[in-house]
Every structure is written in C-alpha cells, then in structure tokens.
Amino acid sequence: MELAFYLSGLVAVLATLGVITGRNPVHAVVYLIVSLISVALVFFALGAPFAGALEIIVYAGAIMVLFVFVVMMLNLGPDQDDDTDAWRHPRHWLGPSVLAAVLLAVLGYLIAGGDMARAIDGELLTAQAVGLTLFGPWLMVVELAGLLLLGALVAASHVGRRSNPLRQQRPGRAP
C-alpha cells in the first residue's frame, strides 16, 4: 500500500508541475485531471475511500467539465486557428498519457495484489463518520458556511444583472 501511496503522490506532483508550467490551457486542464485522480488514489491508499470517491466525482468530474467548457469558450485569437492539427503531435499528449498509465498500473497492482482492503495506518473514513463529524459538533459552522454561500450567490446574481453605466442607452428604449 505504501508503494501505491508514493507512486500516486509522485504522479500528483508531476501532473501539478505540468499544470503550472503548461502554456496551453487545454493541456493544463488535462494535467489537472490527472493530478486530481492521483490525489484520489492517495486518499484510497490512506484508507479514506469516501474522500477518494468525492475527489473523483466532484473535482475530477463536475468541476473539470466546467473548466473544459470555460477553456472552450475562451477567445484564443486568430493565431490559434492555424494550429488545428498540432494536437496530434505526441509531445502534447505523451506526458498526461504516461502519468495516467502509471496510475493505471498502480490501480492494477492494488487490485491484483488484493491489497484494496488494507490501508496505511489509520482509521477508515466512511460517509457516516464524515456526517457525524460535520453535523455533530460542527453543525453551526456548516450552517453558517451554507448561509455565506447563499449570500454570495445572491450577491453575484445582483452584480451580474446590473447594467453598465458607461454603456449608452439606445434611442427609444427605457433604462
């Protein structure tokens, strides 16, 4: 299990370096997905399958889809249109593919070795334990965080609807 922990941690560090040093936003998003999946494997190795599953579902799934759509909606300019076939070059996909292959090998090693039930020293973190902790002594903090997020959502909606005072009104239209 320690081997899985260290290899997954190494892949997370290397993929994160790929995110930081990447010049293309799409490549950075791919490296970030690999990094988040490797952090999920670190959670699995530490005996926190619930946290690992949440990492994959919430971060590597939902948030990364949002990032991909944002990158797709970016206006990259006319110089990016000339480079439509450059993504097929191996230098663009070799790094994330090698890191993902290492993660797949670690996962295969864990499944074949039967060490999935064993974890590095510590308690097993389950969904019930997380729920009891959050809604036990931390109930007020969770409720206040929810209210703070709701207030931020209302404020963002209000600020987003505001009209720009510098924009000129069209003739015949009421403000």
Protein backbone atom coordinates (compact mmCIF):
# COMPACT_ATOMS: atom_id res chain seq x y z
CA MET A 1 0.00 0.00 0.00
CA GLU A 2 2.92 2.34 0.62
CA LEU A 3 4.05 1.82 -2.98
CA ALA A 4 0.64 2.95 -4.23
CA PHE A 5 0.75 5.97 -1.94
CA TYR A 6 4.21 7.08 -3.05
CA LEU A 7 3.64 6.46 -6.77
CA SER A 8 0.30 8.28 -6.69
CA GLY A 9 1.89 11.16 -4.79
CA LEU A 10 4.72 11.35 -7.34
CA VAL A 11 2.24 11.40 -10.21
CA ALA A 12 0.25 14.14 -8.43
CA VAL A 13 3.38 16.28 -8.07
CA LEU A 14 4.48 15.74 -11.68
CA ALA A 15 1.00 16.42 -13.06
CA THR A 16 0.71 19.56 -10.97
CA LEU A 17 4.03 20.74 -12.34
CA GLY A 18 2.56 20.14 -15.79
CA VAL A 19 -0.39 22.35 -14.85
CA ILE A 20 1.85 25.14 -13.61
CA THR A 21 4.34 25.10 -16.46
CA GLY A 22 1.85 24.46 -19.26
CA ARG A 23 1.32 27.25 -21.77
CA ASN A 24 -1.82 25.87 -23.38
CA PRO A 25 -4.92 25.99 -21.14
CA VAL A 26 -6.34 22.75 -22.56
CA HIS A 27 -3.14 20.86 -21.74
CA ALA A 28 -3.15 22.36 -18.26
CA VAL A 29 -6.72 21.11 -17.72
CA VAL A 30 -5.73 17.59 -18.82
CA TYR A 31 -2.78 17.61 -16.41
CA LEU A 32 -5.09 18.89 -13.68
CA ILE A 33 -7.49 16.00 -14.25
CA VAL A 34 -4.60 13.52 -13.93
CA SER A 35 -3.45 15.31 -10.77
CA LEU A 36 -6.89 15.15 -9.18
CA ILE A 37 -7.28 11.45 -9.98
CA SER A 38 -3.88 10.73 -8.46
CA VAL A 39 -4.87 12.62 -5.30
CA ALA A 40 -7.98 10.43 -5.17
CA LEU A 41 -5.73 7.35 -5.30
CA VAL A 42 -3.70 8.83 -2.43
CA PHE A 43 -6.94 9.07 -0.43
CA PHE A 44 -7.74 5.46 -1.27
CA ALA A 45 -4.26 4.40 -0.14
CA LEU A 46 -4.70 6.26 3.15
CA GLY A 47 -7.94 4.40 3.88
CA ALA A 48 -10.40 7.15 3.01
CA PRO A 49 -12.50 5.69 0.17
CA PHE A 50 -15.29 8.21 0.73
CA ALA A 51 -12.91 11.15 0.33
CA GLY A 52 -11.36 9.50 -2.75
CA ALA A 53 -14.75 8.94 -4.33
CA LEU A 54 -15.76 12.53 -3.62
CA GLU A 55 -12.48 13.72 -5.16
CA ILE A 56 -13.24 11.84 -8.36
CA ILE A 57 -16.94 12.73 -8.55
CA VAL A 58 -16.81 16.37 -7.50
CA TYR A 59 -13.41 17.61 -8.63
CA ALA A 60 -12.26 15.35 -11.46
CA GLY A 61 -15.82 15.04 -12.74
CA ALA A 62 -18.02 18.06 -12.31
CA ILE A 63 -15.57 20.91 -11.80
CA MET A 64 -13.23 19.75 -14.56
CA VAL A 65 -16.14 19.62 -17.01
CA LEU A 66 -16.82 23.24 -16.07
CA PHE A 67 -13.14 24.13 -16.64
CA VAL A 68 -13.18 22.43 -20.04
CA PHE A 69 -16.25 24.44 -21.08
CA VAL A 70 -14.62 27.67 -19.89
CA VAL A 71 -11.49 26.89 -21.88
CA MET A 72 -13.63 26.11 -24.93
CA MET A 73 -15.43 29.42 -24.59
CA LEU A 74 -12.21 31.44 -24.35
CA ASN A 75 -11.42 33.56 -27.33
CA LEU A 76 -7.92 32.35 -28.16
CA GLY A 77 -7.47 34.63 -31.14
CA PRO A 78 -6.86 34.06 -34.84
CA ASP A 79 -3.30 32.72 -34.37
CA GLN A 80 -4.69 29.64 -32.59
CA ASP A 81 -6.88 28.71 -35.57
CA ASP A 82 -3.84 27.90 -37.74
CA ASP A 83 -2.71 25.19 -35.30
CA THR A 84 -5.70 22.84 -35.58
CA ASP A 85 -3.73 19.64 -36.32
CA ALA A 86 -0.87 20.28 -33.89
CA TRP A 87 -2.67 18.48 -31.05
CA ARG A 88 -1.93 15.19 -32.78
CA HIS A 89 1.78 15.61 -32.14
CA PRO A 90 2.96 13.21 -29.37
CA ARG A 91 4.59 15.97 -27.34
CA HIS A 92 1.11 17.27 -26.47
CA TRP A 93 -0.41 14.06 -25.15
CA LEU A 94 2.59 11.96 -24.13
CA GLY A 95 3.02 13.49 -20.66
CA PRO A 96 -0.57 13.05 -19.42
CA SER A 97 -0.73 9.61 -21.04
CA VAL A 98 2.40 8.37 -19.26
CA LEU A 99 1.19 9.71 -15.91
CA ALA A 100 -2.25 8.15 -16.41
CA ALA A 101 -0.59 4.84 -17.36
CA VAL A 102 1.40 4.92 -14.11
CA LEU A 103 -1.85 5.47 -12.19
CA LEU A 104 -3.49 2.61 -14.08
CA ALA A 105 -0.53 0.35 -13.24
CA VAL A 106 -0.80 1.28 -9.55
CA LEU A 107 -4.52 0.54 -9.58
CA GLY A 108 -3.92 -2.78 -11.36
CA TYR A 109 -1.24 -3.67 -8.80
CA LEU A 110 -3.64 -2.95 -5.96
CA ILE A 111 -6.47 -4.97 -7.49
CA ALA A 112 -4.25 -7.93 -8.47
CA GLY A 113 -2.47 -7.97 -5.11
CA GLY A 114 -5.70 -7.98 -3.14
CA ASP A 115 -4.48 -5.08 -1.01
CA MET A 116 -7.53 -2.90 -1.61
CA ALA A 117 -8.96 -3.57 1.87
CA ARG A 118 -5.68 -2.80 3.60
CA ALA A 119 -4.69 0.79 4.20
CA ILE A 120 -1.78 2.70 5.63
CA ASP A 121 -2.09 3.03 9.42
CA GLY A 122 -5.16 5.00 10.45
CA GLU A 123 -8.91 4.75 10.84
CA LEU A 124 -11.25 4.03 7.96
CA LEU A 125 -13.11 7.20 7.00
CA THR A 126 -16.67 6.44 5.98
CA ALA A 127 -19.57 8.62 4.88
CA GLN A 128 -21.24 8.04 8.24
CA ALA A 129 -18.15 9.26 10.12
CA VAL A 130 -17.99 12.40 7.96
CA GLY A 131 -21.70 13.08 8.51
CA LEU A 132 -21.47 12.60 12.26
CA THR A 133 -18.47 14.92 12.44
CA LEU A 134 -19.99 17.65 10.28
CA PHE A 135 -23.46 17.58 11.82
CA GLY A 136 -22.32 16.90 15.36
CA PRO A 137 -20.05 19.48 16.94
CA TRP A 138 -19.63 21.43 13.68
CA LEU A 139 -23.32 21.89 12.87
CA MET A 140 -23.33 25.68 13.31
CA VAL A 141 -20.18 26.09 11.20
CA VAL A 142 -21.72 24.05 8.36
CA GLU A 143 -24.95 26.06 8.55
CA LEU A 144 -23.07 29.37 8.58
CA ALA A 145 -20.96 28.28 5.60
CA GLY A 146 -24.19 27.40 3.75
CA LEU A 147 -25.66 30.82 4.53
CA LEU A 148 -22.45 32.52 3.44
CA LEU A 149 -22.52 30.65 0.12
CA LEU A 150 -26.19 31.55 -0.36
CA GLY A 151 -25.40 35.22 0.29
CA ALA A 152 -22.54 35.07 -2.20
CA LEU A 153 -24.85 33.53 -4.79
CA VAL A 154 -27.46 36.28 -4.31
CA ALA A 155 -24.77 38.99 -4.46
CA ALA A 156 -23.26 37.51 -7.64
CA SER A 157 -26.71 37.39 -9.23
CA HIS A 158 -27.38 41.01 -8.29
CA VAL A 159 -23.99 42.25 -9.51
CA GLY A 160 -24.36 40.26 -12.74
CA ARG A 161 -27.72 41.88 -13.53
CA ARG A 162 -26.54 45.43 -13.03
CA SER A 163 -26.37 47.46 -16.20
CA ASN A 164 -23.13 49.12 -17.14
CA PRO A 165 -23.44 52.90 -16.51
CA LEU A 166 -20.84 53.61 -19.19
CA ARG A 167 -22.90 51.86 -21.84
CA GLN A 168 -25.02 54.29 -23.81
CA GLN A 169 -28.72 53.69 -23.98
CA ARG A 170 -30.25 53.08 -27.38
CA PRO A 171 -32.75 55.69 -28.53
CA GLY A 172 -36.35 54.79 -27.79
CA ARG A 173 -35.51 52.23 -25.05
CA ALA A 174 -36.17 52.78 -21.40
CA PRO A 175 -33.33 52.03 -18.96
